[in-house]
Amino acid sequence: SKELISSFAPHVDGVRTCYLRHVAAGKGTGEVRLEFIIAPDGKVAKFGFVAPGIAAGTNKKLGRCLSSLSAAWVFPARRGYTSAILPYKFQRTVVPGGGPYPGCPSKKGCSRDQRGEK
C-alpha cells in the first residue's frame, strides 16, 4: 500500500547501504526483496529477505545487516498483523571522473594544494 511504502521510504538508504556493503560489485542481481510481518503496534514481528545470485556467506552477512535495521522500523499501528513484501533493485554505477572529490572547508576557497590537487 502507499502508506507502507511512504512509511518505509526513510529506510531505503539503509537497505541500499547494507546491500552495497556486503555484495561485491558484479555479484548478485542487485535485487533484494524484503519480506516481513508488521505487528499491530507497527513494529516488525518477523523479518526475512531474498537476494538472488549471491553466495551463502554473503547472504548471511547481508541478512545480519538487514535484520539489525529491521529492529528499528516502525509502521503505522493497525488492528492486526500485516504481511509486507517490498522489492528493490540496486545498481552500482561507476562513472569515470564521477568522484568522490576532496572538499574545501574555507568559504574563501582553497588553493589546488589544499584541495589535494597536484
PDB file of N, CA and C in Angstrom:
ATOM      1  N   SER A   1       0.832  -1.185   0.000  1.00  0.00           N
ATOM      2  CA  SER A   1       0.000   0.000   0.000  1.00  0.00           C
ATOM      3  C   SER A   1       0.874   1.245   0.000  1.00  0.00           C
ATOM      4  N   LYS A   2       0.304   2.356  -0.415  1.00  0.00           N
ATOM      5  CA  LYS A   2       1.038   3.616  -0.446  1.00  0.00           C
ATOM      6  C   LYS A   2       1.497   4.011   0.957  1.00  0.00           C
ATOM      7  N   GLU A   3       0.677   3.729   1.956  1.00  0.00           N
ATOM      8  CA  GLU A   3       1.021   4.058   3.339  1.00  0.00           C
ATOM      9  C   GLU A   3       2.285   3.299   3.772  1.00  0.00           C
ATOM     10  N   LEU A   4       2.352   2.041   3.430  1.00  0.00           N
ATOM     11  CA  LEU A   4       3.515   1.216   3.773  1.00  0.00           C
ATOM     12  C   LEU A   4       4.762   1.733   3.067  1.00  0.00           C
ATOM     13  N   ILE A   5       4.650   2.006   1.786  1.00  0.00           N
ATOM     14  CA  ILE A   5       5.791   2.480   1.001  1.00  0.00           C
ATOM     15  C   ILE A   5       6.280   3.829   1.517  1.00  0.00           C
ATOM     16  N   SER A   6       5.364   4.749   1.820  1.00  0.00           N
ATOM     17  CA  SER A   6       5.791   6.057   2.318  1.00  0.00           C
ATOM     18  C   SER A   6       6.383   5.945   3.726  1.00  0.00           C
ATOM     19  N   SER A   7       5.878   5.027   4.543  1.00  0.00           N
ATOM     20  CA  SER A   7       6.433   4.827   5.885  1.00  0.00           C
ATOM     21  C   SER A   7       7.834   4.227   5.814  1.00  0.00           C
ATOM     22  N   PHE A   8       8.085   3.439   4.769  1.00  0.00           N
ATOM     23  CA  PHE A   8       9.373   2.763   4.639  1.00  0.00           C
ATOM     24  C   PHE A   8      10.419   3.625   3.925  1.00  0.00           C
ATOM     25  N   ALA A   9       9.991   4.644   3.217  1.00  0.00           N
ATOM     26  CA  ALA A   9      10.899   5.470   2.405  1.00  0.00           C
ATOM     27  C   ALA A   9      12.158   5.921   3.139  1.00  0.00           C
ATOM     28  N   PRO A  10      12.088   6.352   4.403  1.00  0.00           N
ATOM     29  CA  PRO A  10      13.318   6.779   5.085  1.00  0.00           C
ATOM     30  C   PRO A  10      14.329   5.646   5.323  1.00  0.00           C
ATOM     31  N   HIS A  11      13.904   4.407   5.155  1.00  0.00           N
ATOM     32  CA  HIS A  11      14.772   3.261   5.451  1.00  0.00           C
ATOM     33  C   HIS A  11      15.433   2.659   4.203  1.00  0.00           C
ATOM     34  N   VAL A  12      15.049   3.118   3.029  1.00  0.00           N
ATOM     35  CA  VAL A  12      15.586   2.546   1.786  1.00  0.00           C
ATOM     36  C   VAL A  12      17.098   2.740   1.691  1.00  0.00           C
ATOM     37  N   ASP A  13      17.597   3.906   2.100  1.00  0.00           N
ATOM     38  CA  ASP A  13      19.046   4.143   2.033  1.00  0.00           C
ATOM     39  C   ASP A  13      19.812   3.151   2.896  1.00  0.00           C
ATOM     40  N   GLY A  14      19.276   2.803   4.060  1.00  0.00           N
ATOM     41  CA  GLY A  14      19.924   1.817   4.915  1.00  0.00           C
ATOM     42  C   GLY A  14      19.979   0.449   4.260  1.00  0.00           C
ATOM     43  N   VAL A  15      18.898   0.067   3.602  1.00  0.00           N
ATOM     44  CA  VAL A  15      18.856  -1.220   2.893  1.00  0.00           C
ATOM     45  C   VAL A  15      19.874  -1.198   1.755  1.00  0.00           C
ATOM     46  N   ARG A  16      19.916  -0.104   1.016  1.00  0.00           N
ATOM     47  CA  ARG A  16      20.884   0.032  -0.082  1.00  0.00           C
ATOM     48  C   ARG A  16      22.315  -0.068   0.459  1.00  0.00           C
ATOM     49  N   THR A  17      22.587   0.609   1.567  1.00  0.00           N
ATOM     50  CA  THR A  17      23.923   0.576   2.158  1.00  0.00           C
ATOM     51  C   THR A  17      24.314  -0.846   2.539  1.00  0.00           C
ATOM     52  N   CYS A  18      23.407  -1.582   3.168  1.00  0.00           N
ATOM     53  CA  CYS A  18      23.695  -2.980   3.511  1.00  0.00           C
ATOM     54  C   CYS A  18      24.004  -3.783   2.258  1.00  0.00           C
ATOM     55  N   TYR A  19      23.176  -3.633   1.245  1.00  0.00           N
ATOM     56  CA  TYR A  19      23.360  -4.418   0.022  1.00  0.00           C
ATOM     57  C   TYR A  19      24.708  -4.102  -0.621  1.00  0.00           C
ATOM     58  N   LEU A  20      25.002  -2.824  -0.811  1.00  0.00           N
ATOM     59  CA  LEU A  20      26.237  -2.449  -1.493  1.00  0.00           C
ATOM     60  C   LEU A  20      27.477  -2.751  -0.648  1.00  0.00           C
ATOM     61  N   ARG A  21      27.353  -2.740   0.670  1.00  0.00           N
ATOM     62  CA  ARG A  21      28.487  -3.044   1.547  1.00  0.00           C
ATOM     63  C   ARG A  21      28.828  -4.531   1.513  1.00  0.00           C
ATOM     64  N   HIS A  22      27.823  -5.380   1.435  1.00  0.00           N
ATOM     65  CA  HIS A  22      28.070  -6.812   1.585  1.00  0.00           C
ATOM     66  C   HIS A  22      28.071  -7.601   0.276  1.00  0.00           C
ATOM     67  N   VAL A  23      27.546  -7.044  -0.779  1.00  0.00           N
ATOM     68  CA  VAL A  23      27.521  -7.758  -2.055  1.00  0.00           C
ATOM     69  C   VAL A  23      28.547  -7.112  -2.974  1.00  0.00           C
ATOM     70  N   ALA A  24      29.571  -7.857  -3.328  1.00  0.00           N
ATOM     71  CA  ALA A  24      30.668  -7.341  -4.154  1.00  0.00           C
ATOM     72  C   ALA A  24      30.153  -6.913  -5.523  1.00  0.00           C
ATOM     73  N   ALA A  25      30.829  -5.923  -6.082  1.00  0.00           N
ATOM     74  CA  ALA A  25      30.496  -5.445  -7.424  1.00  0.00           C
ATOM     75  C   ALA A  25      30.528  -6.609  -8.404  1.00  0.00           C
ATOM     76  N   GLY A  26      29.538  -6.696  -9.250  1.00  0.00           N
ATOM     77  CA  GLY A  26      29.474  -7.760 -10.237  1.00  0.00           C
ATOM     78  C   GLY A  26      28.860  -9.048  -9.717  1.00  0.00           C
ATOM     79  N   LYS A  27      28.579  -9.114  -8.429  1.00  0.00           N
ATOM     80  CA  LYS A  27      27.954 -10.303  -7.843  1.00  0.00           C
ATOM     81  C   LYS A  27      26.483 -10.001  -7.592  1.00  0.00           C
ATOM     82  N   GLY A  28      25.672 -11.012  -7.575  1.00  0.00           N
ATOM     83  CA  GLY A  28      24.247 -10.823  -7.324  1.00  0.00           C
ATOM     84  C   GLY A  28      23.562 -10.141  -8.492  1.00  0.00           C
ATOM     85  N   THR A  29      22.280  -9.935  -8.351  1.00  0.00           N
ATOM     86  CA  THR A  29      21.487  -9.324  -9.414  1.00  0.00           C
ATOM     87  C   THR A  29      21.153  -7.872  -9.111  1.00  0.00           C
ATOM     88  N   GLY A  30      21.494  -7.415  -7.909  1.00  0.00           N
ATOM     89  CA  GLY A  30      21.108  -6.066  -7.495  1.00  0.00           C
ATOM     90  C   GLY A  30      19.723  -6.033  -6.883  1.00  0.00           C
ATOM     91  N   GLU A  31      19.089  -7.188  -6.836  1.00  0.00           N
ATOM     92  CA  GLU A  31      17.728  -7.249  -6.314  1.00  0.00           C
ATOM     93  C   GLU A  31      17.721  -7.729  -4.868  1.00  0.00           C
ATOM     94  N   VAL A  32      16.844  -7.149  -4.078  1.00  0.00           N
ATOM     95  CA  VAL A  32      16.592  -7.641  -2.731  1.00  0.00           C
ATOM     96  C   VAL A  32      15.096  -7.456  -2.471  1.00  0.00           C
ATOM     97  N   ARG A  33      14.495  -8.518  -1.986  1.00  0.00           N
ATOM     98  CA  ARG A  33      13.062  -8.480  -1.669  1.00  0.00           C
ATOM     99  C   ARG A  33      12.921  -8.653  -0.165  1.00  0.00           C
ATOM    100  N   LEU A  34      12.411  -7.622   0.481  1.00  0.00           N
ATOM    101  CA  LEU A  34      12.193  -7.666   1.921  1.00  0.00           C
ATOM    102  C   LEU A  34      10.826  -8.277   2.183  1.00  0.00           C
ATOM    103  N   GLU A  35      10.773  -9.213   3.105  1.00  0.00           N
ATOM    104  CA  GLU A  35       9.523  -9.882   3.460  1.00  0.00           C
ATOM    105  C   GLU A  35       9.403  -9.820   4.975  1.00  0.00           C
ATOM    106  N   PHE A  36       8.350  -9.190   5.458  1.00  0.00           N
ATOM    107  CA  PHE A  36       8.217  -9.095   6.904  1.00  0.00           C
ATOM    108  C   PHE A  36       6.769  -9.018   7.339  1.00  0.00           C
ATOM    109  N   ILE A  37       6.568  -9.248   8.612  1.00  0.00           N
ATOM    110  CA  ILE A  37       5.243  -9.162   9.215  1.00  0.00           C
ATOM    111  C   ILE A  37       5.279  -8.024  10.217  1.00  0.00           C
ATOM    112  N   ILE A  38       4.317  -7.138  10.091  1.00  0.00           N
ATOM    113  CA  ILE A  38       4.217  -5.985  10.979  1.00  0.00           C
ATOM    114  C   ILE A  38       3.190  -6.295  12.057  1.00  0.00           C
ATOM    115  N   ALA A  39       3.587  -6.131  13.313  1.00  0.00           N
ATOM    116  CA  ALA A  39       2.702  -6.361  14.458  1.00  0.00           C
ATOM    117  C   ALA A  39       1.696  -5.201  14.559  1.00  0.00           C
ATOM    118  N   PRO A  40       0.616  -5.397  15.293  1.00  0.00           N
ATOM    119  CA  PRO A  40      -0.376  -4.327  15.440  1.00  0.00           C
ATOM    120  C   PRO A  40       0.215  -3.014  15.971  1.00  0.00           C
ATOM    121  N   ASP A  41       1.275  -3.082  16.761  1.00  0.00           N
ATOM    122  CA  ASP A  41       1.884  -1.850  17.285  1.00  0.00           C
ATOM    123  C   ASP A  41       2.790  -1.156  16.266  1.00  0.00           C
ATOM    124  N   GLY A  42       2.934  -1.718  15.061  1.00  0.00           N
ATOM    125  CA  GLY A  42       3.723  -1.110  13.997  1.00  0.00           C
ATOM    126  C   GLY A  42       5.157  -1.590  13.916  1.00  0.00           C
ATOM    127  N   LYS A  43       5.600  -2.400  14.871  1.00  0.00           N
ATOM    128  CA  LYS A  43       6.972  -2.909  14.848  1.00  0.00           C
ATOM    129  C   LYS A  43       7.052  -4.179  14.006  1.00  0.00           C
ATOM    130  N   VAL A  44       8.239  -4.491  13.524  1.00  0.00           N
ATOM    131  CA  VAL A  44       8.443  -5.690  12.711  1.00  0.00           C
ATOM    132  C   VAL A  44       8.490  -6.905  13.630  1.00  0.00           C
ATOM    133  N   ALA A  45       7.534  -7.812  13.437  1.00  0.00           N
ATOM    134  CA  ALA A  45       7.449  -9.023  14.269  1.00  0.00           C
ATOM    135  C   ALA A  45       8.303 -10.157  13.702  1.00  0.00           C
ATOM    136  N   LYS A  46       8.423 -10.212  12.375  1.00  0.00           N
ATOM    137  CA  LYS A  46       9.208 -11.261  11.728  1.00  0.00           C
ATOM    138  C   LYS A  46       9.800 -10.672  10.462  1.00  0.00           C
ATOM    139  N   PHE A  47      11.086 -10.958  10.232  1.00  0.00           N
ATOM    140  CA  PHE A  47      11.771 -10.385   9.079  1.00  0.00           C
ATOM    141  C   PHE A  47      12.457 -11.470   8.261  1.00  0.00           C
ATOM    142  N   GLY A  48      12.431 -11.327   6.952  1.00  0.00           N
ATOM    143  CA  GLY A  48      13.144 -12.198   6.038  1.00  0.00           C
ATOM    144  C   GLY A  48      13.437 -11.427   4.761  1.00  0.00           C
ATOM    145  N   PHE A  49      14.271 -12.002   3.916  1.00  0.00           N
ATOM    146  CA  PHE A  49      14.597 -11.350   2.653  1.00  0.00           C
ATOM    147  C   PHE A  49      15.053 -12.391   1.648  1.00  0.00           C
ATOM    148  N   VAL A  50      15.024 -12.006   0.387  1.00  0.00           N
ATOM    149  CA  VAL A  50      15.539 -12.827  -0.699  1.00  0.00           C
ATOM    150  C   VAL A  50      16.424 -11.924  -1.540  1.00  0.00           C
ATOM    151  N   ALA A  51      17.657 -12.371  -1.800  1.00  0.00           N
ATOM    152  CA  ALA A  51      18.597 -11.627  -2.637  1.00  0.00           C
ATOM    153  C   ALA A  51      19.207 -12.619  -3.620  1.00  0.00           C
ATOM    154  N   PRO A  52      18.665 -12.728  -4.815  1.00  0.00           N
ATOM    155  CA  PRO A  52      19.136 -13.721  -5.783  1.00  0.00           C
ATOM    156  C   PRO A  52      20.584 -13.528  -6.213  1.00  0.00           C
ATOM    157  N   GLY A  53      21.250 -14.656  -6.459  1.00  0.00           N
ATOM    158  CA  GLY A  53      22.560 -14.649  -7.083  1.00  0.00           C
ATOM    159  C   GLY A  53      23.750 -14.358  -6.191  1.00  0.00           C
ATOM    160  N   ILE A  54      23.583 -14.417  -4.871  1.00  0.00           N
ATOM    161  CA  ILE A  54      24.743 -14.176  -4.008  1.00  0.00           C
ATOM    162  C   ILE A  54      25.091 -15.443  -3.232  1.00  0.00           C
ATOM    163  N   ALA A  55      26.351 -15.551  -2.859  1.00  0.00           N
ATOM    164  CA  ALA A  55      26.852 -16.730  -2.151  1.00  0.00           C
ATOM    165  C   ALA A  55      26.267 -16.810  -0.746  1.00  0.00           C
ATOM    166  N   ALA A  56      26.262 -18.012  -0.186  1.00  0.00           N
ATOM    167  CA  ALA A  56      25.671 -18.244   1.136  1.00  0.00           C
ATOM    168  C   ALA A  56      26.308 -17.379   2.217  1.00  0.00           C
ATOM    169  N   GLY A  57      27.628 -17.250   2.221  1.00  0.00           N
ATOM    170  CA  GLY A  57      28.309 -16.438   3.229  1.00  0.00           C
ATOM    171  C   GLY A  57      27.913 -14.974   3.128  1.00  0.00           C
ATOM    172  N   THR A  58      27.836 -14.479   1.916  1.00  0.00           N
ATOM    173  CA  THR A  58      27.410 -13.098   1.688  1.00  0.00           C
ATOM    174  C   THR A  58      25.965 -12.931   2.118  1.00  0.00           C
ATOM    175  N   ASN A  59      25.155 -13.929   1.827  1.00  0.00           N
ATOM    176  CA  ASN A  59      23.741 -13.897   2.195  1.00  0.00           C
ATOM    177  C   ASN A  59      23.583 -13.759   3.716  1.00  0.00           C
ATOM    178  N   LYS A  60      24.424 -14.476   4.478  1.00  0.00           N
ATOM    179  CA  LYS A  60      24.366 -14.389   5.946  1.00  0.00           C
ATOM    180  C   LYS A  60      24.755 -12.998   6.428  1.00  0.00           C
ATOM    181  N   LYS A  61      25.824 -12.439   5.861  1.00  0.00           N
ATOM    182  CA  LYS A  61      26.262 -11.093   6.260  1.00  0.00           C
ATOM    183  C   LYS A  61      25.195 -10.054   5.922  1.00  0.00           C
ATOM    184  N   LEU A  62      24.642 -10.156   4.737  1.00  0.00           N
ATOM    185  CA  LEU A  62      23.578  -9.243   4.327  1.00  0.00           C
ATOM    186  C   LEU A  62      22.379  -9.398   5.250  1.00  0.00           C
ATOM    187  N   GLY A  63      22.050 -10.631   5.588  1.00  0.00           N
ATOM    188  CA  GLY A  63      20.922 -10.897   6.480  1.00  0.00           C
ATOM    189  C   GLY A  63      21.097 -10.278   7.849  1.00  0.00           C
ATOM    190  N   ARG A  64      22.307 -10.383   8.400  1.00  0.00           N
ATOM    191  CA  ARG A  64      22.572  -9.769   9.717  1.00  0.00           C
ATOM    192  C   ARG A  64      22.412  -8.257   9.646  1.00  0.00           C
ATOM    193  N   CYS A  65      22.926  -7.656   8.583  1.00  0.00           N
ATOM    194  CA  CYS A  65      22.843  -6.212   8.422  1.00  0.00           C
ATOM    195  C   CYS A  65      21.384  -5.759   8.295  1.00  0.00           C
ATOM    196  N   LEU A  66      20.628  -6.413   7.427  1.00  0.00           N
ATOM    197  CA  LEU A  66      19.227  -6.046   7.221  1.00  0.00           C
ATOM    198  C   LEU A  66      18.385  -6.314   8.462  1.00  0.00           C
ATOM    199  N   SER A  67      18.648  -7.427   9.120  1.00  0.00           N
ATOM    200  CA  SER A  67      17.889  -7.772  10.329  1.00  0.00           C
ATOM    201  C   SER A  67      18.096  -6.730  11.427  1.00  0.00           C
ATOM    202  N   SER A  68      19.338  -6.256  11.574  1.00  0.00           N
ATOM    203  CA  SER A  68      19.592  -5.239  12.596  1.00  0.00           C
ATOM    204  C   SER A  68      18.855  -3.942  12.262  1.00  0.00           C
ATOM    205  N   LEU A  69      18.752  -3.619  10.979  1.00  0.00           N
ATOM    206  CA  LEU A  69      17.987  -2.430  10.584  1.00  0.00           C
ATOM    207  C   LEU A  69      16.502  -2.607  10.871  1.00  0.00           C
ATOM    208  N   SER A  70      15.990  -3.805  10.605  1.00  0.00           N
ATOM    209  CA  SER A  70      14.540  -4.033  10.734  1.00  0.00           C
ATOM    210  C   SER A  70      14.045  -3.852  12.165  1.00  0.00           C
ATOM    211  N   ALA A  71      14.934  -3.991  13.145  1.00  0.00           N
ATOM    212  CA  ALA A  71      14.541  -3.808  14.548  1.00  0.00           C
ATOM    213  C   ALA A  71      14.086  -2.373  14.821  1.00  0.00           C
ATOM    214  N   ALA A  72      14.542  -1.420  14.011  1.00  0.00           N
ATOM    215  CA  ALA A  72      14.194  -0.014  14.216  1.00  0.00           C
ATOM    216  C   ALA A  72      13.031   0.455  13.335  1.00  0.00           C
ATOM    217  N   TRP A  73      12.575  -0.392  12.411  1.00  0.00           N
ATOM    218  CA  TRP A  73      11.494   0.026  11.527  1.00  0.00           C
ATOM    219  C   TRP A  73      10.173   0.039  12.281  1.00  0.00           C
ATOM    220  N   VAL A  74       9.437   1.126  12.139  1.00  0.00           N
ATOM    221  CA  VAL A  74       8.121   1.240  12.774  1.00  0.00           C
ATOM    222  C   VAL A  74       7.146   1.773  11.735  1.00  0.00           C
ATOM    223  N   PHE A  75       6.001   1.135  11.667  1.00  0.00           N
ATOM    224  CA  PHE A  75       4.960   1.495  10.715  1.00  0.00           C
ATOM    225  C   PHE A  75       3.723   1.937  11.487  1.00  0.00           C
ATOM    226  N   PRO A  76       2.756   2.562  10.796  1.00  0.00           N
ATOM    227  CA  PRO A  76       1.532   2.960  11.491  1.00  0.00           C
ATOM    228  C   PRO A  76       0.843   1.753  12.132  1.00  0.00           C
ATOM    229  N   ALA A  77       0.273   1.963  13.326  1.00  0.00           N
ATOM    230  CA  ALA A  77      -0.428   0.886  14.041  1.00  0.00           C
ATOM    231  C   ALA A  77      -1.642   0.433  13.228  1.00  0.00           C
ATOM    232  N   ARG A  78      -1.955  -0.858  13.359  1.00  0.00           N
ATOM    233  CA  ARG A  78      -3.108  -1.452  12.660  1.00  0.00           C
ATOM    234  C   ARG A  78      -3.850  -2.362  13.621  1.00  0.00           C
ATOM    235  N   ARG A  79      -4.994  -2.826  13.185  1.00  0.00           N
ATOM    236  CA  ARG A  79      -5.794  -3.722  14.048  1.00  0.00           C
ATOM    237  C   ARG A  79      -5.175  -5.100  14.211  1.00  0.00           C
ATOM    238  N   GLY A  80      -4.518  -5.568  13.176  1.00  0.00           N
ATOM    239  CA  GLY A  80      -3.953  -6.916  13.218  1.00  0.00           C
ATOM    240  C   GLY A  80      -2.564  -6.935  12.619  1.00  0.00           C
ATOM    241  N   TYR A  81      -2.061  -8.142  12.439  1.00  0.00           N
ATOM    242  CA  TYR A  81      -0.752  -8.317  11.826  1.00  0.00           C
ATOM    243  C   TYR A  81      -0.872  -8.095  10.318  1.00  0.00           C
ATOM    244  N   THR A  82       0.178  -7.548   9.720  1.00  0.00           N
ATOM    245  CA  THR A  82       0.173  -7.239   8.294  1.00  0.00           C
ATOM    246  C   THR A  82       1.410  -7.838   7.644  1.00  0.00           C
ATOM    247  N   SER A  83       1.232  -8.563   6.558  1.00  0.00           N
ATOM    248  CA  SER A  83       2.355  -9.086   5.781  1.00  0.00           C
ATOM    249  C   SER A  83       2.764  -8.044   4.757  1.00  0.00           C
ATOM    250  N   ALA A  84       4.065  -7.894   4.562  1.00  0.00           N
ATOM    251  CA  ALA A  84       4.560  -6.917   3.596  1.00  0.00           C
ATOM    252  C   ALA A  84       5.698  -7.521   2.793  1.00  0.00           C
ATOM    253  N   ILE A  85       5.710  -7.224   1.507  1.00  0.00           N
ATOM    254  CA  ILE A  85       6.801  -7.613   0.616  1.00  0.00           C
ATOM    255  C   ILE A  85       7.183  -6.364  -0.160  1.00  0.00           C
ATOM    256  N   LEU A  86       8.448  -5.957  -0.011  1.00  0.00           N
ATOM    257  CA  LEU A  86       8.937  -4.768  -0.697  1.00  0.00           C
ATOM    258  C   LEU A  86      10.133  -5.144  -1.558  1.00  0.00           C
ATOM    259  N   PRO A  87       9.979  -5.121  -2.888  1.00  0.00           N
ATOM    260  CA  PRO A  87      11.106  -5.441  -3.773  1.00  0.00           C
ATOM    261  C   PRO A  87      11.902  -4.187  -4.129  1.00  0.00           C
ATOM    262  N   TYR A  88      13.229  -4.315  -4.171  1.00  0.00           N
ATOM    263  CA  TYR A  88      14.097  -3.214  -4.563  1.00  0.00           C
ATOM    264  C   TYR A  88      15.151  -3.722  -5.517  1.00  0.00           C
ATOM    265  N   LYS A  89      15.612  -2.840  -6.394  1.00  0.00           N
ATOM    266  CA  LYS A  89      16.698  -3.152  -7.335  1.00  0.00           C
ATOM    267  C   LYS A  89      17.750  -2.070  -7.152  1.00  0.00           C
ATOM    268  N   PHE A  90      18.944  -2.487  -6.725  1.00  0.00           N
ATOM    269  CA  PHE A  90      20.042  -1.553  -6.517  1.00  0.00           C
ATOM    270  C   PHE A  90      21.091  -1.786  -7.589  1.00  0.00           C
ATOM    271  N   GLN A  91      21.743  -0.710  -7.998  1.00  0.00           N
ATOM    272  CA  GLN A  91      22.715  -0.806  -9.077  1.00  0.00           C
ATOM    273  C   GLN A  91      23.922   0.048  -8.747  1.00  0.00           C
ATOM    274  N   ARG A  92      25.101  -0.525  -8.910  1.00  0.00           N
ATOM    275  CA  ARG A  92      26.332   0.253  -8.778  1.00  0.00           C
ATOM    276  C   ARG A  92      26.618   0.882 -10.137  1.00  0.00           C
ATOM    277  N   THR A  93      26.935   2.146 -10.118  1.00  0.00           N
ATOM    278  CA  THR A  93      27.291   2.817 -11.354  1.00  0.00           C
ATOM    279  C   THR A  93      28.639   3.487 -11.161  1.00  0.00           C
ATOM    280  N   VAL A  94      29.593   3.089 -11.962  1.00  0.00           N
ATOM    281  CA  VAL A  94      30.915   3.689 -11.907  1.00  0.00           C
ATOM    282  C   VAL A  94      31.042   4.598 -13.112  1.00  0.00           C
ATOM    283  N   VAL A  95      31.237   5.876 -12.856  1.00  0.00           N
ATOM    284  CA  VAL A  95      31.354   6.857 -13.916  1.00  0.00           C
ATOM    285  C   VAL A  95      32.760   7.440 -13.865  1.00  0.00           C
ATOM    286  N   PRO A  96      33.507   7.366 -14.947  1.00  0.00           N
ATOM    287  CA  PRO A  96      34.849   7.957 -14.930  1.00  0.00           C
ATOM    288  C   PRO A  96      34.784   9.430 -14.541  1.00  0.00           C
ATOM    289  N   GLY A  97      35.609   9.820 -13.569  1.00  0.00           N
ATOM    290  CA  GLY A  97      35.633  11.212 -13.109  1.00  0.00           C
ATOM    291  C   GLY A  97      34.436  11.572 -12.241  1.00  0.00           C
ATOM    292  N   GLY A  98      33.699  10.553 -11.760  1.00  0.00           N
ATOM    293  CA  GLY A  98      32.475  10.797 -11.004  1.00  0.00           C
ATOM    294  C   GLY A  98      32.680  11.045  -9.523  1.00  0.00           C
ATOM    295  N   GLY A  99      33.909  11.143  -9.036  1.00  0.00           N
ATOM    296  CA  GLY A  99      34.145  11.467  -7.630  1.00  0.00           C
ATOM    297  C   GLY A  99      34.458  10.219  -6.846  1.00  0.00           C
ATOM    298  N   PRO A 100      34.611  10.276  -5.572  1.00  0.00           N
ATOM    299  CA  PRO A 100      34.397  11.473  -4.751  1.00  0.00           C
ATOM    300  C   PRO A 100      35.525  12.491  -4.934  1.00  0.00           C
ATOM    301  N   TYR A 101      35.219  13.731  -4.630  1.00  0.00           N
ATOM    302  CA  TYR A 101      36.177  14.812  -4.754  1.00  0.00           C
ATOM    303  C   TYR A 101      36.488  15.383  -3.383  1.00  0.00           C
ATOM    304  N   PRO A 102      37.741  15.781  -3.160  1.00  0.00           N
ATOM    305  CA  PRO A 102      38.072  16.411  -1.880  1.00  0.00           C
ATOM    306  C   PRO A 102      37.361  17.756  -1.770  1.00  0.00           C
ATOM    307  N   GLY A 103      36.938  18.098  -0.559  1.00  0.00           N
ATOM    308  CA  GLY A 103      36.236  19.354  -0.340  1.00  0.00           C
ATOM    309  C   GLY A 103      37.174  20.445   0.114  1.00  0.00           C
ATOM    310  N   CYS A 104      36.628  21.629   0.226  1.00  0.00           N
ATOM    311  CA  CYS A 104      37.372  22.784   0.703  1.00  0.00           C
ATOM    312  C   CYS A 104      36.555  23.415   1.818  1.00  0.00           C
ATOM    313  N   PRO A 105      37.068  23.404   3.059  1.00  0.00           N
ATOM    314  CA  PRO A 105      36.288  23.920   4.177  1.00  0.00           C
ATOM    315  C   PRO A 105      36.223  25.447   4.252  1.00  0.00           C
ATOM    316  N   SER A 106      37.036  26.150   3.459  1.00  0.00           N
ATOM    317  CA  SER A 106      37.084  27.607   3.534  1.00  0.00           C
ATOM    318  C   SER A 106      36.056  28.239   2.602  1.00  0.00           C
ATOM    319  N   LYS A 107      35.310  29.230   3.118  1.00  0.00           N
ATOM    320  CA  LYS A 107      34.340  29.949   2.278  1.00  0.00           C
ATOM    321  C   LYS A 107      35.050  30.815   1.242  1.00  0.00           C
ATOM    322  N   LYS A 108      36.322  31.154   1.508  1.00  0.00           N
ATOM    323  CA  LYS A 108      37.105  31.989   0.589  1.00  0.00           C
ATOM    324  C   LYS A 108      37.711  31.170  -0.539  1.00  0.00           C
ATOM    325  N   GLY A 109      37.615  29.845  -0.437  1.00  0.00           N
ATOM    326  CA  GLY A 109      38.208  28.988  -1.454  1.00  0.00           C
ATOM    327  C   GLY A 109      39.535  28.435  -0.992  1.00  0.00           C
ATOM    328  N   CYS A 110      40.019  27.443  -1.681  1.00  0.00           N
ATOM    329  CA  CYS A 110      41.265  26.780  -1.321  1.00  0.00           C
ATOM    330  C   CYS A 110      42.174  26.721  -2.536  1.00  0.00           C
ATOM    331  N   SER A 111      43.465  26.684  -2.258  1.00  0.00           N
ATOM    332  CA  SER A 111      44.423  26.517  -3.349  1.00  0.00           C
ATOM    333  C   SER A 111      44.353  25.070  -3.838  1.00  0.00           C
ATOM    334  N   ARG A 112      44.953  24.810  -4.970  1.00  0.00           N
ATOM    335  CA  ARG A 112      44.968  23.441  -5.509  1.00  0.00           C
ATOM    336  C   ARG A 112      45.595  22.471  -4.515  1.00  0.00           C
ATOM    337  N   ASP A 113      46.667  22.903  -3.817  1.00  0.00           N
ATOM    338  CA  ASP A 113      47.318  22.034  -2.836  1.00  0.00           C
ATOM    339  C   ASP A 113      46.386  21.704  -1.675  1.00  0.00           C
ATOM    340  N   GLN A 114      45.612  22.676  -1.198  1.00  0.00           N
ATOM    341  CA  GLN A 114      44.679  22.457  -0.091  1.00  0.00           C
ATOM    342  C   GLN A 114      43.554  21.510  -0.499  1.00  0.00           C
ATOM    343  N   ARG A 115      43.206  21.515  -1.784  1.00  0.00           N
ATOM    344  CA  ARG A 115      42.148  20.626  -2.272  1.00  0.00           C
ATOM    345  C   ARG A 115      42.673  19.231  -2.571  1.00  0.00           C
ATOM    346  N   GLY A 116      43.992  19.038  -2.473  1.00  0.00           N
ATOM    347  CA  GLY A 116      44.571  17.723  -2.743  1.00  0.00           C
ATOM    348  C   GLY A 116      44.932  17.525  -4.192  1.00  0.00           C
ATOM    349  N   GLU A 117      44.878  18.603  -4.983  1.00  0.00           N
ATOM    350  CA  GLU A 117      45.246  18.507  -6.397  1.00  0.00           C
ATOM    351  C   GLU A 117      46.707  18.837  -6.560  1.00  0.00           C
ATOM    352  N   LYS A 118      47.372  18.212  -7.488  1.00  0.00           N
ATOM    353  CA  LYS A 118      48.803  18.460  -7.737  1.00  0.00           C
ATOM    354  C   LYS A 118      48.976  19.256  -8.997  1.00  0.00           C
TER     355      LYS A 118
END
